[in-house]
Amino acid sequence: MVPRSPDEAAHDLYTLSAAAKRIRKRRATIRAWIQQGLLDYYQREGDHTKYVKLSELQAAYRNRLTALRSRPRDDDGRFTPWT
């Protein structure tokens, strides 16, 4: 994934650590979402730190929750493989 430059008025940028704390997930989870293409990241010129936008982070989080809720289960409530 190619990093994108943040907008001029991008005041809602969070580092991966701060984003993980915001949604109570691990930083590795945020990195995985980036690698899977579920979340875009931004880098400022000359900076190696990755940032994510709050609105995009919340959308990715909601999408993951929806996917987990819609996953098929058996009669005992255990997850079953997708068919």
PDB file of N, CA and C in Angstrom:
ATOM      1  N   MET A   1       0.844  -1.168   0.000  1.00  0.00           N
ATOM      2  CA  MET A   1       0.000   0.000   0.000  1.00  0.00           C
ATOM      3  C   MET A   1       0.893   1.236   0.000  1.00  0.00           C
ATOM      4  N   VAL A   2       0.545   2.183  -0.811  1.00  0.00           N
ATOM      5  CA  VAL A   2       1.305   3.423  -0.924  1.00  0.00           C
ATOM      6  C   VAL A   2       0.769   4.431   0.085  1.00  0.00           C
ATOM      7  N   PRO A   3       1.643   5.042   0.870  1.00  0.00           N
ATOM      8  CA  PRO A   3       1.153   6.025   1.837  1.00  0.00           C
ATOM      9  C   PRO A   3       0.578   7.244   1.146  1.00  0.00           C
ATOM     10  N   ARG A   4      -0.463   7.796   1.722  1.00  0.00           N
ATOM     11  CA  ARG A   4      -1.081   9.006   1.186  1.00  0.00           C
ATOM     12  C   ARG A   4      -0.697  10.182   2.060  1.00  0.00           C
ATOM     13  N   SER A   5      -0.619  11.352   1.450  1.00  0.00           N
ATOM     14  CA  SER A   5      -0.315  12.569   2.208  1.00  0.00           C
ATOM     15  C   SER A   5      -1.577  13.042   2.909  1.00  0.00           C
ATOM     16  N   PRO A   6      -1.463  13.515   4.130  1.00  0.00           N
ATOM     17  CA  PRO A   6      -2.648  14.011   4.826  1.00  0.00           C
ATOM     18  C   PRO A   6      -3.155  15.312   4.219  1.00  0.00           C
ATOM     19  N   ASP A   7      -4.439  15.544   4.368  1.00  0.00           N
ATOM     20  CA  ASP A   7      -5.035  16.792   3.892  1.00  0.00           C
ATOM     21  C   ASP A   7      -4.518  17.955   4.729  1.00  0.00           C
ATOM     22  N   GLU A   8      -4.723  19.140   4.228  1.00  0.00           N
ATOM     23  CA  GLU A   8      -4.297  20.335   4.959  1.00  0.00           C
ATOM     24  C   GLU A   8      -5.013  20.439   6.304  1.00  0.00           C
ATOM     25  N   ALA A   9      -6.302  20.117   6.332  1.00  0.00           N
ATOM     26  CA  ALA A   9      -7.093  20.255   7.551  1.00  0.00           C
ATOM     27  C   ALA A   9      -7.282  18.906   8.250  1.00  0.00           C
ATOM     28  N   ALA A  10      -6.292  18.064   8.191  1.00  0.00           N
ATOM     29  CA  ALA A  10      -6.408  16.720   8.773  1.00  0.00           C
ATOM     30  C   ALA A  10      -6.029  16.768  10.245  1.00  0.00           C
ATOM     31  N   HIS A  11      -6.928  17.282  11.045  1.00  0.00           N
ATOM     32  CA  HIS A  11      -6.662  17.380  12.480  1.00  0.00           C
ATOM     33  C   HIS A  11      -7.066  16.117  13.211  1.00  0.00           C
ATOM     34  N   ASP A  12      -7.711  15.193  12.517  1.00  0.00           N
ATOM     35  CA  ASP A  12      -8.164  13.970  13.168  1.00  0.00           C
ATOM     36  C   ASP A  12      -7.235  12.788  12.869  1.00  0.00           C
ATOM     37  N   LEU A  13      -5.939  13.054  12.720  1.00  0.00           N
ATOM     38  CA  LEU A  13      -4.977  11.986  12.473  1.00  0.00           C
ATOM     39  C   LEU A  13      -4.472  11.428  13.792  1.00  0.00           C
ATOM     40  N   TYR A  14      -4.399  10.113  13.862  1.00  0.00           N
ATOM     41  CA  TYR A  14      -3.911   9.430  15.055  1.00  0.00           C
ATOM     42  C   TYR A  14      -2.749   8.525  14.675  1.00  0.00           C
ATOM     43  N   THR A  15      -1.749   8.448  15.540  1.00  0.00           N
ATOM     44  CA  THR A  15      -0.707   7.451  15.332  1.00  0.00           C
ATOM     45  C   THR A  15      -1.341   6.081  15.524  1.00  0.00           C
ATOM     46  N   LEU A  16      -0.652   5.037  15.112  1.00  0.00           N
ATOM     47  CA  LEU A  16      -1.213   3.692  15.254  1.00  0.00           C
ATOM     48  C   LEU A  16      -1.434   3.341  16.716  1.00  0.00           C
ATOM     49  N   SER A  17      -0.524   3.763  17.580  1.00  0.00           N
ATOM     50  CA  SER A  17      -0.688   3.493  19.016  1.00  0.00           C
ATOM     51  C   SER A  17      -1.905   4.214  19.585  1.00  0.00           C
ATOM     52  N   ALA A  18      -2.060   5.484  19.243  1.00  0.00           N
ATOM     53  CA  ALA A  18      -3.195   6.250  19.742  1.00  0.00           C
ATOM     54  C   ALA A  18      -4.508   5.719  19.167  1.00  0.00           C
ATOM     55  N   ALA A  19      -4.480   5.302  17.909  1.00  0.00           N
ATOM     56  CA  ALA A  19      -5.685   4.733  17.289  1.00  0.00           C
ATOM     57  C   ALA A  19      -6.083   3.432  17.968  1.00  0.00           C
ATOM     58  N   ALA A  20      -5.095   2.606  18.286  1.00  0.00           N
ATOM     59  CA  ALA A  20      -5.375   1.339  18.962  1.00  0.00           C
ATOM     60  C   ALA A  20      -5.988   1.576  20.338  1.00  0.00           C
ATOM     61  N   LYS A  21      -5.466   2.553  21.058  1.00  0.00           N
ATOM     62  CA  LYS A  21      -6.038   2.885  22.371  1.00  0.00           C
ATOM     63  C   LYS A  21      -7.459   3.408  22.229  1.00  0.00           C
ATOM     64  N   ARG A  22      -7.693   4.180  21.182  1.00  0.00           N
ATOM     65  CA  ARG A  22      -9.012   4.789  20.967  1.00  0.00           C
ATOM     66  C   ARG A  22     -10.110   3.731  20.822  1.00  0.00           C
ATOM     67  N   ILE A  23      -9.804   2.620  20.123  1.00  0.00           N
ATOM     68  CA  ILE A  23     -10.820   1.578  19.917  1.00  0.00           C
ATOM     69  C   ILE A  23     -10.546   0.331  20.752  1.00  0.00           C
ATOM     70  N   ARG A  24      -9.577   0.426  21.656  1.00  0.00           N
ATOM     71  CA  ARG A  24      -9.241  -0.667  22.581  1.00  0.00           C
ATOM     72  C   ARG A  24      -8.867  -1.959  21.859  1.00  0.00           C
ATOM     73  N   LYS A  25      -7.994  -1.805  20.882  1.00  0.00           N
ATOM     74  CA  LYS A  25      -7.411  -2.928  20.146  1.00  0.00           C
ATOM     75  C   LYS A  25      -5.902  -2.815  20.216  1.00  0.00           C
ATOM     76  N   ARG A  26      -5.210  -3.873  19.780  1.00  0.00           N
ATOM     77  CA  ARG A  26      -3.750  -3.842  19.744  1.00  0.00           C
ATOM     78  C   ARG A  26      -3.268  -3.087  18.505  1.00  0.00           C
ATOM     79  N   ARG A  27      -2.069  -2.543  18.604  1.00  0.00           N
ATOM     80  CA  ARG A  27      -1.476  -1.850  17.453  1.00  0.00           C
ATOM     81  C   ARG A  27      -1.303  -2.808  16.282  1.00  0.00           C
ATOM     82  N   ALA A  28      -1.038  -4.065  16.579  1.00  0.00           N
ATOM     83  CA  ALA A  28      -0.889  -5.073  15.525  1.00  0.00           C
ATOM     84  C   ALA A  28      -2.183  -5.243  14.730  1.00  0.00           C
ATOM     85  N   THR A  29      -3.312  -5.060  15.387  1.00  0.00           N
ATOM     86  CA  THR A  29      -4.604  -5.154  14.701  1.00  0.00           C
ATOM     87  C   THR A  29      -4.737  -4.023  13.689  1.00  0.00           C
ATOM     88  N   ILE A  30      -4.359  -2.833  14.083  1.00  0.00           N
ATOM     89  CA  ILE A  30      -4.422  -1.682  13.168  1.00  0.00           C
ATOM     90  C   ILE A  30      -3.493  -1.912  11.984  1.00  0.00           C
ATOM     91  N   ARG A  31      -2.294  -2.407  12.251  1.00  0.00           N
ATOM     92  CA  ARG A  31      -1.345  -2.712  11.166  1.00  0.00           C
ATOM     93  C   ARG A  31      -1.911  -3.771  10.227  1.00  0.00           C
ATOM     94  N   ALA A  32      -2.564  -4.780  10.782  1.00  0.00           N
ATOM     95  CA  ALA A  32      -3.152  -5.842   9.964  1.00  0.00           C
ATOM     96  C   ALA A  32      -4.252  -5.285   9.064  1.00  0.00           C
ATOM     97  N   TRP A  33      -5.072  -4.388   9.598  1.00  0.00           N
ATOM     98  CA  TRP A  33      -6.123  -3.773   8.782  1.00  0.00           C
ATOM     99  C   TRP A  33      -5.514  -2.974   7.644  1.00  0.00           C
ATOM    100  N   ILE A  34      -4.396  -2.312   7.902  1.00  0.00           N
ATOM    101  CA  ILE A  34      -3.707  -1.563   6.843  1.00  0.00           C
ATOM    102  C   ILE A  34      -3.188  -2.520   5.779  1.00  0.00           C
ATOM    103  N   GLN A  35      -2.547  -3.603   6.201  1.00  0.00           N
ATOM    104  CA  GLN A  35      -1.995  -4.572   5.257  1.00  0.00           C
ATOM    105  C   GLN A  35      -3.085  -5.278   4.452  1.00  0.00           C
ATOM    106  N   GLN A  36      -4.246  -5.469   5.055  1.00  0.00           N
ATOM    107  CA  GLN A  36      -5.363  -6.118   4.359  1.00  0.00           C
ATOM    108  C   GLN A  36      -6.109  -5.158   3.438  1.00  0.00           C
ATOM    109  N   GLY A  37      -5.762  -3.882   3.496  1.00  0.00           N
ATOM    110  CA  GLY A  37      -6.406  -2.889   2.653  1.00  0.00           C
ATOM    111  C   GLY A  37      -7.726  -2.385   3.218  1.00  0.00           C
ATOM    112  N   LEU A  38      -8.000  -2.658   4.483  1.00  0.00           N
ATOM    113  CA  LEU A  38      -9.237  -2.208   5.113  1.00  0.00           C
ATOM    114  C   LEU A  38      -9.138  -0.785   5.635  1.00  0.00           C
ATOM    115  N   LEU A  39      -7.918  -0.289   5.753  1.00  0.00           N
ATOM    116  CA  LEU A  39      -7.691   1.025   6.347  1.00  0.00           C
ATOM    117  C   LEU A  39      -6.515   1.682   5.643  1.00  0.00           C
ATOM    118  N   ASP A  40      -6.685   2.942   5.267  1.00  0.00           N
ATOM    119  CA  ASP A  40      -5.592   3.705   4.650  1.00  0.00           C
ATOM    120  C   ASP A  40      -4.752   4.356   5.739  1.00  0.00           C
ATOM    121  N   TYR A  41      -3.493   4.567   5.425  1.00  0.00           N
ATOM    122  CA  TYR A  41      -2.637   5.298   6.352  1.00  0.00           C
ATOM    123  C   TYR A  41      -2.013   6.478   5.638  1.00  0.00           C
ATOM    124  N   TYR A  42      -1.552   7.410   6.420  1.00  0.00           N
ATOM    125  CA  TYR A  42      -0.987   8.655   5.902  1.00  0.00           C
ATOM    126  C   TYR A  42       0.383   8.874   6.527  1.00  0.00           C
ATOM    127  N   GLN A  43       1.250   9.544   5.777  1.00  0.00           N
ATOM    128  CA  GLN A  43       2.565   9.921   6.290  1.00  0.00           C
ATOM    129  C   GLN A  43       2.842  11.351   5.875  1.00  0.00           C
ATOM    130  N   ARG A  44       3.406  12.084   6.800  1.00  0.00           N
ATOM    131  CA  ARG A  44       3.816  13.450   6.484  1.00  0.00           C
ATOM    132  C   ARG A  44       5.183  13.398   5.828  1.00  0.00           C
ATOM    133  N   GLU A  45       5.475  14.388   5.026  1.00  0.00           N
ATOM    134  CA  GLU A  45       6.751  14.432   4.318  1.00  0.00           C
ATOM    135  C   GLU A  45       7.899  14.465   5.316  1.00  0.00           C
ATOM    136  N   GLY A  46       8.830  13.547   5.152  1.00  0.00           N
ATOM    137  CA  GLY A  46       9.996  13.475   6.024  1.00  0.00           C
ATOM    138  C   GLY A  46       9.756  12.759   7.337  1.00  0.00           C
ATOM    139  N   ASP A  47       8.574  12.199   7.523  1.00  0.00           N
ATOM    140  CA  ASP A  47       8.213  11.529   8.778  1.00  0.00           C
ATOM    141  C   ASP A  47       7.945  10.054   8.492  1.00  0.00           C
ATOM    142  N   HIS A  48       8.460   9.174   9.321  1.00  0.00           N
ATOM    143  CA  HIS A  48       8.257   7.740   9.127  1.00  0.00           C
ATOM    144  C   HIS A  48       7.035   7.219   9.875  1.00  0.00           C
ATOM    145  N   THR A  49       6.444   8.059  10.697  1.00  0.00           N
ATOM    146  CA  THR A  49       5.295   7.654  11.488  1.00  0.00           C
ATOM    147  C   THR A  49       4.060   7.506  10.603  1.00  0.00           C
ATOM    148  N   LYS A  50       3.299   6.437  10.842  1.00  0.00           N
ATOM    149  CA  LYS A  50       2.055   6.226  10.111  1.00  0.00           C
ATOM    150  C   LYS A  50       0.906   6.790  10.937  1.00  0.00           C
ATOM    151  N   TYR A  51      -0.036   7.400  10.233  1.00  0.00           N
ATOM    152  CA  TYR A  51      -1.218   7.981  10.866  1.00  0.00           C
ATOM    153  C   TYR A  51      -2.454   7.431  10.193  1.00  0.00           C
ATOM    154  N   VAL A  52      -3.548   7.363  10.939  1.00  0.00           N
ATOM    155  CA  VAL A  52      -4.839   6.978  10.378  1.00  0.00           C
ATOM    156  C   VAL A  52      -5.859   8.049  10.764  1.00  0.00           C
ATOM    157  N   LYS A  53      -6.862   8.238   9.913  1.00  0.00           N
ATOM    158  CA  LYS A  53      -7.916   9.205  10.204  1.00  0.00           C
ATOM    159  C   LYS A  53      -8.954   8.553  11.109  1.00  0.00           C
ATOM    160  N   LEU A  54      -9.452   9.329  12.041  1.00  0.00           N
ATOM    161  CA  LEU A  54     -10.422   8.828  13.002  1.00  0.00           C
ATOM    162  C   LEU A  54     -11.671   8.297  12.304  1.00  0.00           C
ATOM    163  N   SER A  55     -12.198   9.006  11.343  1.00  0.00           N
ATOM    164  CA  SER A  55     -13.421   8.577  10.652  1.00  0.00           C
ATOM    165  C   SER A  55     -13.216   7.257   9.920  1.00  0.00           C
ATOM    166  N   GLU A  56     -12.049   7.076   9.291  1.00  0.00           N
ATOM    167  CA  GLU A  56     -11.756   5.832   8.581  1.00  0.00           C
ATOM    168  C   GLU A  56     -11.524   4.687   9.563  1.00  0.00           C
ATOM    169  N   LEU A  57     -10.899   4.989  10.688  1.00  0.00           N
ATOM    170  CA  LEU A  57     -10.673   3.993  11.729  1.00  0.00           C
ATOM    171  C   LEU A  57     -12.004   3.485  12.276  1.00  0.00           C
ATOM    172  N   GLN A  58     -12.912   4.400  12.572  1.00  0.00           N
ATOM    173  CA  GLN A  58     -14.211   4.009  13.092  1.00  0.00           C
ATOM    174  C   GLN A  58     -14.999   3.197  12.076  1.00  0.00           C
ATOM    175  N   ALA A  59     -14.913   3.545  10.804  1.00  0.00           N
ATOM    176  CA  ALA A  59     -15.612   2.798   9.759  1.00  0.00           C
ATOM    177  C   ALA A  59     -15.059   1.379   9.645  1.00  0.00           C
ATOM    178  N   ALA A  60     -13.740   1.235   9.679  1.00  0.00           N
ATOM    179  CA  ALA A  60     -13.120  -0.097   9.603  1.00  0.00           C
ATOM    180  C   ALA A  60     -13.514  -0.936  10.814  1.00  0.00           C
ATOM    181  N   TYR A  61     -13.552  -0.318  11.972  1.00  0.00           N
ATOM    182  CA  TYR A  61     -13.928  -1.025  13.196  1.00  0.00           C
ATOM    183  C   TYR A  61     -15.381  -1.505  13.120  1.00  0.00           C
ATOM    184  N   ARG A  62     -16.279  -0.623  12.667  1.00  0.00           N
ATOM    185  CA  ARG A  62     -17.684  -1.021  12.524  1.00  0.00           C
ATOM    186  C   ARG A  62     -17.841  -2.149  11.511  1.00  0.00           C
ATOM    187  N   ASN A  63     -17.098  -2.083  10.411  1.00  0.00           N
ATOM    188  CA  ASN A  63     -17.175  -3.135   9.388  1.00  0.00           C
ATOM    189  C   ASN A  63     -16.716  -4.477   9.938  1.00  0.00           C
ATOM    190  N   ARG A  64     -15.663  -4.468  10.755  1.00  0.00           N
ATOM    191  CA  ARG A  64     -15.176  -5.705  11.353  1.00  0.00           C
ATOM    192  C   ARG A  64     -16.206  -6.285  12.323  1.00  0.00           C
ATOM    193  N   LEU A  65     -16.838  -5.420  13.118  1.00  0.00           N
ATOM    194  CA  LEU A  65     -17.862  -5.893  14.046  1.00  0.00           C
ATOM    195  C   LEU A  65     -19.047  -6.496  13.306  1.00  0.00           C
ATOM    196  N   THR A  66     -19.464  -5.845  12.225  1.00  0.00           N
ATOM    197  CA  THR A  66     -20.580  -6.348  11.434  1.00  0.00           C
ATOM    198  C   THR A  66     -20.237  -7.698  10.817  1.00  0.00           C
ATOM    199  N   ALA A  67     -19.018  -7.849  10.330  1.00  0.00           N
ATOM    200  CA  ALA A  67     -18.597  -9.115   9.729  1.00  0.00           C
ATOM    201  C   ALA A  67     -18.600 -10.232  10.763  1.00  0.00           C
ATOM    202  N   LEU A  68     -18.161  -9.943  11.978  1.00  0.00           N
ATOM    203  CA  LEU A  68     -18.153 -10.969  13.016  1.00  0.00           C
ATOM    204  C   LEU A  68     -19.568 -11.361  13.429  1.00  0.00           C
ATOM    205  N   ARG A  69     -20.461 -10.388  13.502  1.00  0.00           N
ATOM    206  CA  ARG A  69     -21.842 -10.683  13.901  1.00  0.00           C
ATOM    207  C   ARG A  69     -22.571 -11.502  12.850  1.00  0.00           C
ATOM    208  N   SER A  70     -22.231 -11.309  11.578  1.00  0.00           N
ATOM    209  CA  SER A  70     -22.940 -12.003  10.511  1.00  0.00           C
ATOM    210  C   SER A  70     -22.316 -13.356  10.169  1.00  0.00           C
ATOM    211  N   ARG A  71     -21.246 -13.718  10.858  1.00  0.00           N
ATOM    212  CA  ARG A  71     -20.586 -14.994  10.589  1.00  0.00           C
ATOM    213  C   ARG A  71     -21.506 -16.146  11.004  1.00  0.00           C
ATOM    214  N   PRO A  72     -21.607 -17.201  10.183  1.00  0.00           N
ATOM    215  CA  PRO A  72     -22.536 -18.295  10.498  1.00  0.00           C
ATOM    216  C   PRO A  72     -22.136 -19.057  11.761  1.00  0.00           C
ATOM    217  N   ARG A  73     -23.161 -19.485  12.499  1.00  0.00           N
ATOM    218  CA  ARG A  73     -22.950 -20.248  13.731  1.00  0.00           C
ATOM    219  C   ARG A  73     -23.803 -21.502  13.710  1.00  0.00           C
ATOM    220  N   ASP A  74     -23.384 -22.515  14.478  1.00  0.00           N
ATOM    221  CA  ASP A  74     -24.187 -23.731  14.597  1.00  0.00           C
ATOM    222  C   ASP A  74     -25.220 -23.551  15.704  1.00  0.00           C
ATOM    223  N   ASP A  75     -25.968 -24.597  16.017  1.00  0.00           N
ATOM    224  CA  ASP A  75     -27.037 -24.506  17.010  1.00  0.00           C
ATOM    225  C   ASP A  75     -26.519 -24.198  18.410  1.00  0.00           C
ATOM    226  N   ASP A  76     -25.269 -24.534  18.691  1.00  0.00           N
ATOM    227  CA  ASP A  76     -24.684 -24.265  20.005  1.00  0.00           C
ATOM    228  C   ASP A  76     -24.025 -22.893  20.084  1.00  0.00           C
ATOM    229  N   GLY A  77     -24.060 -22.134  18.998  1.00  0.00           N
ATOM    230  CA  GLY A  77     -23.499 -20.794  18.998  1.00  0.00           C
ATOM    231  C   GLY A  77     -22.035 -20.716  18.592  1.00  0.00           C
ATOM    232  N   ARG A  78     -21.450 -21.849  18.198  1.00  0.00           N
ATOM    233  CA  ARG A  78     -20.044 -21.841  17.756  1.00  0.00           C
ATOM    234  C   ARG A  78     -19.966 -21.435  16.285  1.00  0.00           C
ATOM    235  N   PHE A  79     -18.872 -20.738  15.936  1.00  0.00           N
ATOM    236  CA  PHE A  79     -18.674 -20.335  14.546  1.00  0.00           C
ATOM    237  C   PHE A  79     -18.522 -21.557  13.656  1.00  0.00           C
ATOM    238  N   THR A  80     -19.088 -21.485  12.462  1.00  0.00           N
ATOM    239  CA  THR A  80     -18.938 -22.546  11.466  1.00  0.00           C
ATOM    240  C   THR A  80     -18.216 -21.977  10.268  1.00  0.00           C
ATOM    241  N   PRO A  81     -17.596 -22.825   9.460  1.00  0.00           N
ATOM    242  CA  PRO A  81     -16.873 -22.312   8.281  1.00  0.00           C
ATOM    243  C   PRO A  81     -17.832 -21.673   7.278  1.00  0.00           C
ATOM    244  N   TRP A  82     -17.324 -20.680   6.565  1.00  0.00           N
ATOM    245  CA  TRP A  82     -18.110 -20.056   5.498  1.00  0.00           C
ATOM    246  C   TRP A  82     -18.316 -21.086   4.404  1.00  0.00           C
ATOM    247  N   THR A  83     -19.479 -21.075   3.785  1.00  0.00           N
ATOM    248  CA  THR A  83     -19.730 -22.021   2.685  1.00  0.00           C
ATOM    249  C   THR A  83     -19.919 -21.297   1.401  1.00  0.00           C
TER     250      THR A  83
END
